[in-house]
Amino acid sequence: MDLKTYYANIRAVEATLDGDYIVVVSLATSEGGKAGVASEVPRYVAAKMINDLRARAATAEETEAFHTASEDRRLRIEQEEEARRMRVMVIPASDLRKGKDRS
């Protein structure tokens, strides 16, 4: 393998990609790589994966679906965290009446 050509090909693919982070969709590989898994990776990593035939750049529709699903997961996790942090304090009714008598 000619390393100069290999890295020149990666740089050529990288030049065609827009943005700092690219959504890629994995391809099936002989090492057991699962096809159809979307991931957002830095542009250089995306170029390397595309050059190595491990992934392809996602379409605009796939990118939108990936970002929508990621936002939904983020909101759900934030809600779960907020619910976990919620504290409940039980105050007996007699203590509440004592507070009113002080005024």
PDB file of N, CA and C in Angstrom:
ATOM      1  N   MET A   1       0.838  -1.169   0.000  1.00  0.00           N
ATOM      2  CA  MET A   1       0.000   0.000   0.000  1.00  0.00           C
ATOM      3  C   MET A   1       0.891   1.243   0.000  1.00  0.00           C
ATOM      4  N   ASP A   2       0.590   2.144  -0.896  1.00  0.00           N
ATOM      5  CA  ASP A   2       1.317   3.405  -0.979  1.00  0.00           C
ATOM      6  C   ASP A   2       0.651   4.400  -0.038  1.00  0.00           C
ATOM      7  N   LEU A   3       1.343   4.744   1.050  1.00  0.00           N
ATOM      8  CA  LEU A   3       0.770   5.616   2.065  1.00  0.00           C
ATOM      9  C   LEU A   3       0.508   7.024   1.552  1.00  0.00           C
ATOM     10  N   LYS A   4       1.349   7.521   0.660  1.00  0.00           N
ATOM     11  CA  LYS A   4       1.122   8.854   0.104  1.00  0.00           C
ATOM     12  C   LYS A   4      -0.207   8.902  -0.639  1.00  0.00           C
ATOM     13  N   THR A   5      -0.471   7.894  -1.432  1.00  0.00           N
ATOM     14  CA  THR A   5      -1.727   7.831  -2.180  1.00  0.00           C
ATOM     15  C   THR A   5      -2.906   7.664  -1.241  1.00  0.00           C
ATOM     16  N   TYR A   6      -2.733   6.819  -0.232  1.00  0.00           N
ATOM     17  CA  TYR A   6      -3.799   6.569   0.743  1.00  0.00           C
ATOM     18  C   TYR A   6      -4.227   7.868   1.423  1.00  0.00           C
ATOM     19  N   TYR A   7      -3.257   8.620   1.954  1.00  0.00           N
ATOM     20  CA  TYR A   7      -3.582   9.855   2.651  1.00  0.00           C
ATOM     21  C   TYR A   7      -4.016  10.958   1.695  1.00  0.00           C
ATOM     22  N   ALA A   8      -3.536  10.936   0.466  1.00  0.00           N
ATOM     23  CA  ALA A   8      -4.005  11.894  -0.540  1.00  0.00           C
ATOM     24  C   ALA A   8      -5.477  11.636  -0.849  1.00  0.00           C
ATOM     25  N   ASN A   9      -5.865  10.360  -0.912  1.00  0.00           N
ATOM     26  CA  ASN A   9      -7.269  10.022  -1.143  1.00  0.00           C
ATOM     27  C   ASN A   9      -8.150  10.488   0.019  1.00  0.00           C
ATOM     28  N   ILE A  10      -7.654  10.322   1.245  1.00  0.00           N
ATOM     29  CA  ILE A  10      -8.410  10.776   2.414  1.00  0.00           C
ATOM     30  C   ILE A  10      -8.592  12.294   2.360  1.00  0.00           C
ATOM     31  N   ARG A  11      -7.520  13.015   2.032  1.00  0.00           N
ATOM     32  CA  ARG A  11      -7.623  14.476   1.939  1.00  0.00           C
ATOM     33  C   ARG A  11      -8.579  14.897   0.825  1.00  0.00           C
ATOM     34  N   ALA A  12      -8.592  14.150  -0.282  1.00  0.00           N
ATOM     35  CA  ALA A  12      -9.500  14.465  -1.392  1.00  0.00           C
ATOM     36  C   ALA A  12     -10.958  14.264  -0.962  1.00  0.00           C
ATOM     37  N   VAL A  13     -11.225  13.191  -0.245  1.00  0.00           N
ATOM     38  CA  VAL A  13     -12.584  12.956   0.252  1.00  0.00           C
ATOM     39  C   VAL A  13     -12.951  14.023   1.262  1.00  0.00           C
ATOM     40  N   GLU A  14     -12.016  14.376   2.148  1.00  0.00           N
ATOM     41  CA  GLU A  14     -12.269  15.383   3.174  1.00  0.00           C
ATOM     42  C   GLU A  14     -12.616  16.731   2.545  1.00  0.00           C
ATOM     43  N   ALA A  15     -11.992  17.053   1.422  1.00  0.00           N
ATOM     44  CA  ALA A  15     -12.255  18.322   0.747  1.00  0.00           C
ATOM     45  C   ALA A  15     -13.683  18.399   0.209  1.00  0.00           C
ATOM     46  N   THR A  16     -14.289  17.262  -0.063  1.00  0.00           N
ATOM     47  CA  THR A  16     -15.658  17.257  -0.600  1.00  0.00           C
ATOM     48  C   THR A  16     -16.710  17.377   0.491  1.00  0.00           C
ATOM     49  N   LEU A  17     -16.321  17.215   1.761  1.00  0.00           N
ATOM     50  CA  LEU A  17     -17.273  17.237   2.867  1.00  0.00           C
ATOM     51  C   LEU A  17     -17.409  18.643   3.425  1.00  0.00           C
ATOM     52  N   ASP A  18     -18.643  19.038   3.741  1.00  0.00           N
ATOM     53  CA  ASP A  18     -18.913  20.364   4.305  1.00  0.00           C
ATOM     54  C   ASP A  18     -19.150  20.257   5.792  1.00  0.00           C
ATOM     55  N   GLY A  19     -18.634  21.225   6.546  1.00  0.00           N
ATOM     56  CA  GLY A  19     -18.866  21.273   7.987  1.00  0.00           C
ATOM     57  C   GLY A  19     -17.767  20.584   8.768  1.00  0.00           C
ATOM     58  N   ASP A  20     -17.774  20.864  10.075  1.00  0.00           N
ATOM     59  CA  ASP A  20     -16.766  20.268  10.950  1.00  0.00           C
ATOM     60  C   ASP A  20     -17.130  18.846  11.357  1.00  0.00           C
ATOM     61  N   TYR A  21     -18.436  18.570  11.459  1.00  0.00           N
ATOM     62  CA  TYR A  21     -18.908  17.243  11.851  1.00  0.00           C
ATOM     63  C   TYR A  21     -19.852  16.725  10.776  1.00  0.00           C
ATOM     64  N   ILE A  22     -19.685  15.457  10.428  1.00  0.00           N
ATOM     65  CA  ILE A  22     -20.431  14.840   9.337  1.00  0.00           C
ATOM     66  C   ILE A  22     -21.187  13.631   9.885  1.00  0.00           C
ATOM     67  N   VAL A  23     -22.429  13.475   9.451  1.00  0.00           N
ATOM     68  CA  VAL A  23     -23.181  12.274   9.797  1.00  0.00           C
ATOM     69  C   VAL A  23     -22.862  11.229   8.731  1.00  0.00           C
ATOM     70  N   VAL A  24     -22.392  10.075   9.188  1.00  0.00           N
ATOM     71  CA  VAL A  24     -22.082   8.966   8.283  1.00  0.00           C
ATOM     72  C   VAL A  24     -22.958   7.777   8.643  1.00  0.00           C
ATOM     73  N   VAL A  25     -23.187   6.926   7.659  1.00  0.00           N
ATOM     74  CA  VAL A  25     -23.958   5.700   7.851  1.00  0.00           C
ATOM     75  C   VAL A  25     -23.025   4.541   7.556  1.00  0.00           C
ATOM     76  N   SER A  26     -22.916   3.629   8.512  1.00  0.00           N
ATOM     77  CA  SER A  26     -21.960   2.529   8.373  1.00  0.00           C
ATOM     78  C   SER A  26     -22.371   1.563   7.272  1.00  0.00           C
ATOM     79  N   LEU A  27     -21.377   0.897   6.732  1.00  0.00           N
ATOM     80  CA  LEU A  27     -21.572  -0.148   5.727  1.00  0.00           C
ATOM     81  C   LEU A  27     -21.166  -1.485   6.334  1.00  0.00           C
ATOM     82  N   ALA A  28     -21.702  -2.568   5.816  1.00  0.00           N
ATOM     83  CA  ALA A  28     -21.306  -3.892   6.284  1.00  0.00           C
ATOM     84  C   ALA A  28     -19.844  -4.128   5.892  1.00  0.00           C
ATOM     85  N   THR A  29     -19.075  -4.681   6.825  1.00  0.00           N
ATOM     86  CA  THR A  29     -17.671  -4.966   6.547  1.00  0.00           C
ATOM     87  C   THR A  29     -17.381  -6.441   6.798  1.00  0.00           C
ATOM     88  N   SER A  30     -16.262  -6.881   6.281  1.00  0.00           N
ATOM     89  CA  SER A  30     -15.874  -8.282   6.466  1.00  0.00           C
ATOM     90  C   SER A  30     -15.496  -8.575   7.918  1.00  0.00           C
ATOM     91  N   GLU A  31     -15.181  -7.525   8.695  1.00  0.00           N
ATOM     92  CA  GLU A  31     -14.839  -7.707  10.108  1.00  0.00           C
ATOM     93  C   GLU A  31     -16.074  -7.752  10.992  1.00  0.00           C
ATOM     94  N   GLY A  32     -17.250  -7.713  10.389  1.00  0.00           N
ATOM     95  CA  GLY A  32     -18.480  -7.792  11.165  1.00  0.00           C
ATOM     96  C   GLY A  32     -19.146  -6.455  11.395  1.00  0.00           C
ATOM     97  N   GLY A  33     -18.721  -5.421  10.689  1.00  0.00           N
ATOM     98  CA  GLY A  33     -19.339  -4.109  10.825  1.00  0.00           C
ATOM     99  C   GLY A  33     -20.803  -4.155  10.420  1.00  0.00           C
ATOM    100  N   LYS A  34     -21.648  -3.528  11.216  1.00  0.00           N
ATOM    101  CA  LYS A  34     -23.088  -3.553  10.992  1.00  0.00           C
ATOM    102  C   LYS A  34     -23.485  -2.401  10.074  1.00  0.00           C
ATOM    103  N   ALA A  35     -24.250  -2.685   9.057  1.00  0.00           N
ATOM    104  CA  ALA A  35     -24.679  -1.669   8.102  1.00  0.00           C
ATOM    105  C   ALA A  35     -25.852  -0.872   8.657  1.00  0.00           C
ATOM    106  N   GLY A  36     -25.890   0.425   8.289  1.00  0.00           N
ATOM    107  CA  GLY A  36     -27.041   1.251   8.604  1.00  0.00           C
ATOM    108  C   GLY A  36     -27.002   2.001   9.912  1.00  0.00           C
ATOM    109  N   VAL A  37     -25.891   1.990  10.623  1.00  0.00           N
ATOM    110  CA  VAL A  37     -25.792   2.713  11.899  1.00  0.00           C
ATOM    111  C   VAL A  37     -25.265   4.117  11.621  1.00  0.00           C
ATOM    112  N   ALA A  38     -26.057   5.125  12.013  1.00  0.00           N
ATOM    113  CA  ALA A  38     -25.662   6.510  11.776  1.00  0.00           C
ATOM    114  C   ALA A  38     -24.856   7.026  12.962  1.00  0.00           C
ATOM    115  N   SER A  39     -23.837   7.828  12.652  1.00  0.00           N
ATOM    116  CA  SER A  39     -22.983   8.439  13.677  1.00  0.00           C
ATOM    117  C   SER A  39     -22.548   9.804  13.181  1.00  0.00           C
ATOM    118  N   GLU A  40     -22.304  10.714  14.119  1.00  0.00           N
ATOM    119  CA  GLU A  40     -21.763  12.018  13.757  1.00  0.00           C
ATOM    120  C   GLU A  40     -20.308  12.041  14.193  1.00  0.00           C
ATOM    121  N   VAL A  41     -19.421  12.280  13.238  1.00  0.00           N
ATOM    122  CA  VAL A  41     -17.980  12.215  13.495  1.00  0.00           C
ATOM    123  C   VAL A  41     -17.298  13.449  12.904  1.00  0.00           C
ATOM    124  N   PRO A  42     -16.071  13.753  13.374  1.00  0.00           N
ATOM    125  CA  PRO A  42     -15.318  14.858  12.768  1.00  0.00           C
ATOM    126  C   PRO A  42     -15.066  14.592  11.284  1.00  0.00           C
ATOM    127  N   ARG A  43     -14.886  15.660  10.538  1.00  0.00           N
ATOM    128  CA  ARG A  43     -14.744  15.553   9.086  1.00  0.00           C
ATOM    129  C   ARG A  43     -13.615  14.613   8.680  1.00  0.00           C
ATOM    130  N   TYR A  44     -12.443  14.683   9.340  1.00  0.00           N
ATOM    131  CA  TYR A  44     -11.326  13.810   8.965  1.00  0.00           C
ATOM    132  C   TYR A  44     -11.677  12.338   9.189  1.00  0.00           C
ATOM    133  N   VAL A  45     -12.326  12.041  10.304  1.00  0.00           N
ATOM    134  CA  VAL A  45     -12.711  10.654  10.594  1.00  0.00           C
ATOM    135  C   VAL A  45     -13.719  10.170   9.553  1.00  0.00           C
ATOM    136  N   ALA A  46     -14.663  11.042   9.191  1.00  0.00           N
ATOM    137  CA  ALA A  46     -15.645  10.685   8.164  1.00  0.00           C
ATOM    138  C   ALA A  46     -14.943  10.383   6.838  1.00  0.00           C
ATOM    139  N   ALA A  47     -13.988  11.230   6.476  1.00  0.00           N
ATOM    140  CA  ALA A  47     -13.255  11.015   5.227  1.00  0.00           C
ATOM    141  C   ALA A  47     -12.504   9.692   5.252  1.00  0.00           C
ATOM    142  N   LYS A  48     -11.890   9.371   6.381  1.00  0.00           N
ATOM    143  CA  LYS A  48     -11.154   8.105   6.506  1.00  0.00           C
ATOM    144  C   LYS A  48     -12.112   6.914   6.401  1.00  0.00           C
ATOM    145  N   MET A  49     -13.266   6.997   7.075  1.00  0.00           N
ATOM    146  CA  MET A  49     -14.232   5.905   7.022  1.00  0.00           C
ATOM    147  C   MET A  49     -14.782   5.718   5.609  1.00  0.00           C
ATOM    148  N   ILE A  50     -15.048   6.828   4.919  1.00  0.00           N
ATOM    149  CA  ILE A  50     -15.555   6.743   3.549  1.00  0.00           C
ATOM    150  C   ILE A  50     -14.495   6.169   2.633  1.00  0.00           C
ATOM    151  N   ASN A  51     -13.257   6.626   2.784  1.00  0.00           N
ATOM    152  CA  ASN A  51     -12.152   6.126   1.960  1.00  0.00           C
ATOM    153  C   ASN A  51     -11.916   4.631   2.187  1.00  0.00           C
ATOM    154  N   ASP A  52     -12.063   4.184   3.438  1.00  0.00           N
ATOM    155  CA  ASP A  52     -11.838   2.773   3.771  1.00  0.00           C
ATOM    156  C   ASP A  52     -13.064   1.901   3.491  1.00  0.00           C
ATOM    157  N   LEU A  53     -14.115   2.496   2.916  1.00  0.00           N
ATOM    158  CA  LEU A  53     -15.373   1.802   2.593  1.00  0.00           C
ATOM    159  C   LEU A  53     -16.018   1.187   3.830  1.00  0.00           C
ATOM    160  N   ARG A  54     -15.917   1.896   4.953  1.00  0.00           N
ATOM    161  CA  ARG A  54     -16.569   1.474   6.194  1.00  0.00           C
ATOM    162  C   ARG A  54     -17.863   2.248   6.419  1.00  0.00           C
ATOM    163  N   ALA A  55     -18.021   3.369   5.702  1.00  0.00           N
ATOM    164  CA  ALA A  55     -19.218   4.192   5.861  1.00  0.00           C
ATOM    165  C   ALA A  55     -19.421   5.014   4.598  1.00  0.00           C
ATOM    166  N   ARG A  56     -20.589   5.639   4.545  1.00  0.00           N
ATOM    167  CA  ARG A  56     -20.898   6.578   3.472  1.00  0.00           C
ATOM    168  C   ARG A  56     -21.480   7.825   4.124  1.00  0.00           C
ATOM    169  N   ALA A  57     -21.403   8.934   3.431  1.00  0.00           N
ATOM    170  CA  ALA A  57     -21.989  10.168   3.950  1.00  0.00           C
ATOM    171  C   ALA A  57     -23.507  10.015   3.937  1.00  0.00           C
ATOM    172  N   ALA A  58     -24.156  10.484   4.983  1.00  0.00           N
ATOM    173  CA  ALA A  58     -25.611  10.387   5.083  1.00  0.00           C
ATOM    174  C   ALA A  58     -26.265  11.388   4.134  1.00  0.00           C
ATOM    175  N   THR A  59     -27.445  11.034   3.670  1.00  0.00           N
ATOM    176  CA  THR A  59     -28.218  11.961   2.851  1.00  0.00           C
ATOM    177  C   THR A  59     -28.769  13.064   3.753  1.00  0.00           C
ATOM    178  N   ALA A  60     -29.324  14.103   3.147  1.00  0.00           N
ATOM    179  CA  ALA A  60     -29.898  15.209   3.918  1.00  0.00           C
ATOM    180  C   ALA A  60     -31.037  14.700   4.804  1.00  0.00           C
ATOM    181  N   GLU A  61     -31.858  13.791   4.296  1.00  0.00           N
ATOM    182  CA  GLU A  61     -32.966  13.237   5.071  1.00  0.00           C
ATOM    183  C   GLU A  61     -32.459  12.410   6.248  1.00  0.00           C
ATOM    184  N   GLU A  62     -31.428  11.602   6.007  1.00  0.00           N
ATOM    185  CA  GLU A  62     -30.847  10.786   7.078  1.00  0.00           C
ATOM    186  C   GLU A  62     -30.203  11.675   8.147  1.00  0.00           C
ATOM    187  N   THR A  63     -29.546  12.742   7.715  1.00  0.00           N
ATOM    188  CA  THR A  63     -28.926  13.666   8.659  1.00  0.00           C
ATOM    189  C   THR A  63     -29.983  14.334   9.524  1.00  0.00           C
ATOM    190  N   GLU A  64     -31.078  14.786   8.902  1.00  0.00           N
ATOM    191  CA  GLU A  64     -32.161  15.423   9.652  1.00  0.00           C
ATOM    192  C   GLU A  64     -32.781  14.442  10.643  1.00  0.00           C
ATOM    193  N   ALA A  65     -33.014  13.203  10.213  1.00  0.00           N
ATOM    194  CA  ALA A  65     -33.587  12.190  11.101  1.00  0.00           C
ATOM    195  C   ALA A  65     -32.642  11.892  12.260  1.00  0.00           C
ATOM    196  N   PHE A  66     -31.335  11.834  11.993  1.00  0.00           N
ATOM    197  CA  PHE A  66     -30.349  11.576  13.040  1.00  0.00           C
ATOM    198  C   PHE A  66     -30.364  12.698  14.076  1.00  0.00           C
ATOM    199  N   HIS A  67     -30.367  13.949  13.612  1.00  0.00           N
ATOM    200  CA  HIS A  67     -30.361  15.078  14.539  1.00  0.00           C
ATOM    201  C   HIS A  67     -31.664  15.163  15.336  1.00  0.00           C
ATOM    202  N   THR A  68     -32.782  14.858  14.702  1.00  0.00           N
ATOM    203  CA  THR A  68     -34.070  14.856  15.407  1.00  0.00           C
ATOM    204  C   THR A  68     -34.075  13.787  16.493  1.00  0.00           C
ATOM    205  N   ALA A  69     -33.610  12.592  16.159  1.00  0.00           N
ATOM    206  CA  ALA A  69     -33.565  11.500  17.134  1.00  0.00           C
ATOM    207  C   ALA A  69     -32.602  11.840  18.274  1.00  0.00           C
ATOM    208  N   SER A  70     -31.472  12.458  17.957  1.00  0.00           N
ATOM    209  CA  SER A  70     -30.503  12.841  18.989  1.00  0.00           C
ATOM    210  C   SER A  70     -31.101  13.878  19.936  1.00  0.00           C
ATOM    211  N   GLU A  71     -31.824  14.841  19.380  1.00  0.00           N
ATOM    212  CA  GLU A  71     -32.457  15.871  20.212  1.00  0.00           C
ATOM    213  C   GLU A  71     -33.529  15.258  21.103  1.00  0.00           C
ATOM    214  N   ASP A  72     -34.311  14.318  20.553  1.00  0.00           N
ATOM    215  CA  ASP A  72     -35.332  13.639  21.351  1.00  0.00           C
ATOM    216  C   ASP A  72     -34.704  12.866  22.510  1.00  0.00           C
ATOM    217  N   ARG A  73     -33.598  12.154  22.233  1.00  0.00           N
ATOM    218  CA  ARG A  73     -32.901  11.415  23.288  1.00  0.00           C
ATOM    219  C   ARG A  73     -32.353  12.360  24.348  1.00  0.00           C
ATOM    220  N   ARG A  74     -31.788  13.494  23.915  1.00  0.00           N
ATOM    221  CA  ARG A  74     -31.233  14.456  24.850  1.00  0.00           C
ATOM    222  C   ARG A  74     -32.321  15.016  25.770  1.00  0.00           C
ATOM    223  N   LEU A  75     -33.470  15.362  25.204  1.00  0.00           N
ATOM    224  CA  LEU A  75     -34.574  15.892  26.014  1.00  0.00           C
ATOM    225  C   LEU A  75     -35.088  14.853  27.007  1.00  0.00           C
ATOM    226  N   ARG A  76     -35.208  13.613  26.545  1.00  0.00           N
ATOM    227  CA  ARG A  76     -35.682  12.538  27.428  1.00  0.00           C
ATOM    228  C   ARG A  76     -34.709  12.320  28.583  1.00  0.00           C
ATOM    229  N   ILE A  77     -33.419  12.330  28.309  1.00  0.00           N
ATOM    230  CA  ILE A  77     -32.405  12.134  29.351  1.00  0.00           C
ATOM    231  C   ILE A  77     -32.428  13.302  30.331  1.00  0.00           C
ATOM    232  N   GLU A  78     -32.577  14.525  29.826  1.00  0.00           N
ATOM    233  CA  GLU A  78     -32.655  15.680  30.715  1.00  0.00           C
ATOM    234  C   GLU A  78     -33.870  15.590  31.628  1.00  0.00           C
ATOM    235  N   GLN A  79     -35.006  15.154  31.091  1.00  0.00           N
ATOM    236  CA  GLN A  79     -36.209  15.005  31.906  1.00  0.00           C
ATOM    237  C   GLN A  79     -36.020  13.933  32.973  1.00  0.00           C
ATOM    238  N   GLU A  80     -35.384  12.831  32.614  1.00  0.00           N
ATOM    239  CA  GLU A  80     -35.121  11.771  33.583  1.00  0.00           C
ATOM    240  C   GLU A  80     -34.188  12.266  34.686  1.00  0.00           C
ATOM    241  N   GLU A  81     -33.166  13.033  34.313  1.00  0.00           N
ATOM    242  CA  GLU A  81     -32.237  13.587  35.297  1.00  0.00           C
ATOM    243  C   GLU A  81     -32.955  14.570  36.222  1.00  0.00           C
ATOM    244  N   GLU A  82     -33.806  15.392  35.656  1.00  0.00           N
ATOM    245  CA  GLU A  82     -34.552  16.356  36.465  1.00  0.00           C
ATOM    246  C   GLU A  82     -35.477  15.647  37.449  1.00  0.00           C
ATOM    247  N   ALA A  83     -36.125  14.587  36.990  1.00  0.00           N
ATOM    248  CA  ALA A  83     -37.005  13.817  37.873  1.00  0.00           C
ATOM    249  C   ALA A  83     -36.200  13.135  38.974  1.00  0.00           C
ATOM    250  N   ARG A  84     -35.011  12.689  38.663  1.00  0.00           N
ATOM    251  CA  ARG A  84     -34.160  12.018  39.640  1.00  0.00           C
ATOM    252  C   ARG A  84     -33.683  13.000  40.718  1.00  0.00           C
ATOM    253  N   ARG A  85     -33.466  14.252  40.319  1.00  0.00           N
ATOM    254  CA  ARG A  85     -32.981  15.253  41.263  1.00  0.00           C
ATOM    255  C   ARG A  85     -34.095  15.842  42.118  1.00  0.00           C
ATOM    256  N   MET A  86     -35.347  15.639  41.726  1.00  0.00           N
ATOM    257  CA  MET A  86     -36.460  16.227  42.462  1.00  0.00           C
ATOM    258  C   MET A  86     -36.512  15.641  43.864  1.00  0.00           C
ATOM    259  N   ARG A  87     -36.597  16.531  44.849  1.00  0.00           N
ATOM    260  CA  ARG A  87     -36.653  16.114  46.244  1.00  0.00           C
ATOM    261  C   ARG A  87     -38.059  16.371  46.774  1.00  0.00           C
ATOM    262  N   VAL A  88     -38.538  15.460  47.578  1.00  0.00           N
ATOM    263  CA  VAL A  88     -39.853  15.593  48.182  1.00  0.00           C
ATOM    264  C   VAL A  88     -39.660  15.630  49.687  1.00  0.00           C
ATOM    265  N   MET A  89     -40.266  16.618  50.323  1.00  0.00           N
ATOM    266  CA  MET A  89     -40.175  16.736  51.768  1.00  0.00           C
ATOM    267  C   MET A  89     -41.593  16.586  52.333  1.00  0.00           C
ATOM    268  N   VAL A  90     -41.749  15.690  53.271  1.00  0.00           N
ATOM    269  CA  VAL A  90     -43.044  15.460  53.902  1.00  0.00           C
ATOM    270  C   VAL A  90     -43.067  16.257  55.200  1.00  0.00           C
ATOM    271  N   ILE A  91     -44.048  17.150  55.306  1.00  0.00           N
ATOM    272  CA  ILE A  91     -44.208  17.978  56.503  1.00  0.00           C
ATOM    273  C   ILE A  91     -45.546  17.609  57.139  1.00  0.00           C
ATOM    274  N   PRO A  92     -45.536  17.221  58.404  1.00  0.00           N
ATOM    275  CA  PRO A  92     -46.797  16.881  59.064  1.00  0.00           C
ATOM    276  C   PRO A  92     -47.730  18.099  59.127  1.00  0.00           C
ATOM    277  N   ALA A  93     -49.016  17.839  59.044  1.00  0.00           N
ATOM    278  CA  ALA A  93     -50.005  18.912  59.066  1.00  0.00           C
ATOM    279  C   ALA A  93     -49.923  19.717  60.353  1.00  0.00           C
ATOM    280  N   SER A  94     -49.579  19.078  61.459  1.00  0.00           N
ATOM    281  CA  SER A  94     -49.479  19.797  62.737  1.00  0.00           C
ATOM    282  C   SER A  94     -48.377  20.856  62.671  1.00  0.00           C
ATOM    283  N   ASP A  95     -47.280  20.581  61.959  1.00  0.00           N
ATOM    284  CA  ASP A  95     -46.215  21.570  61.804  1.00  0.00           C
ATOM    285  C   ASP A  95     -46.683  22.748  60.963  1.00  0.00           C
ATOM    286  N   LEU A  96     -47.539  22.492  59.993  1.00  0.00           N
ATOM    287  CA  LEU A  96     -48.054  23.571  59.161  1.00  0.00           C
ATOM    288  C   LEU A  96     -48.936  24.501  59.995  1.00  0.00           C
ATOM    289  N   ARG A  97     -49.746  23.934  60.895  1.00  0.00           N
ATOM    290  CA  ARG A  97     -50.620  24.733  61.735  1.00  0.00           C
ATOM    291  C   ARG A  97     -49.798  25.588  62.708  1.00  0.00           C
ATOM    292  N   LYS A  98     -48.703  25.048  63.223  1.00  0.00           N
ATOM    293  CA  LYS A  98     -47.835  25.800  64.136  1.00  0.00           C
ATOM    294  C   LYS A  98     -47.286  27.034  63.453  1.00  0.00           C
ATOM    295  N   GLY A  99     -46.935  26.906  62.170  1.00  0.00           N
ATOM    296  CA  GLY A  99     -46.401  28.029  61.410  1.00  0.00           C
ATOM    297  C   GLY A  99     -47.423  29.131  61.262  1.00  0.00           C
ATOM    298  N   LYS A 100     -48.686  28.788  61.092  1.00  0.00           N
ATOM    299  CA  LYS A 100     -49.756  29.796  60.960  1.00  0.00           C
ATOM    300  C   LYS A 100     -50.007  30.495  62.291  1.00  0.00           C
ATOM    301  N   ASP A 101     -49.860  29.808  63.431  1.00  0.00           N
ATOM    302  CA  ASP A 101     -50.108  30.384  64.748  1.00  0.00           C
ATOM    303  C   ASP A 101     -49.068  31.448  65.088  1.00  0.00           C
ATOM    304  N   ARG A 102     -47.853  31.361  64.501  1.00  0.00           N
ATOM    305  CA  ARG A 102     -46.790  32.303  64.813  1.00  0.00           C
ATOM    306  C   ARG A 102     -47.102  33.694  64.293  1.00  0.00           C
ATOM    307  N   SER A 103     -47.859  33.800  63.203  1.00  0.00           N
ATOM    308  CA  SER A 103     -48.110  35.114  62.600  1.00  0.00           C
ATOM    309  C   SER A 103     -49.065  35.964  63.352  1.00  0.00           C
TER     310      SER A 103
END
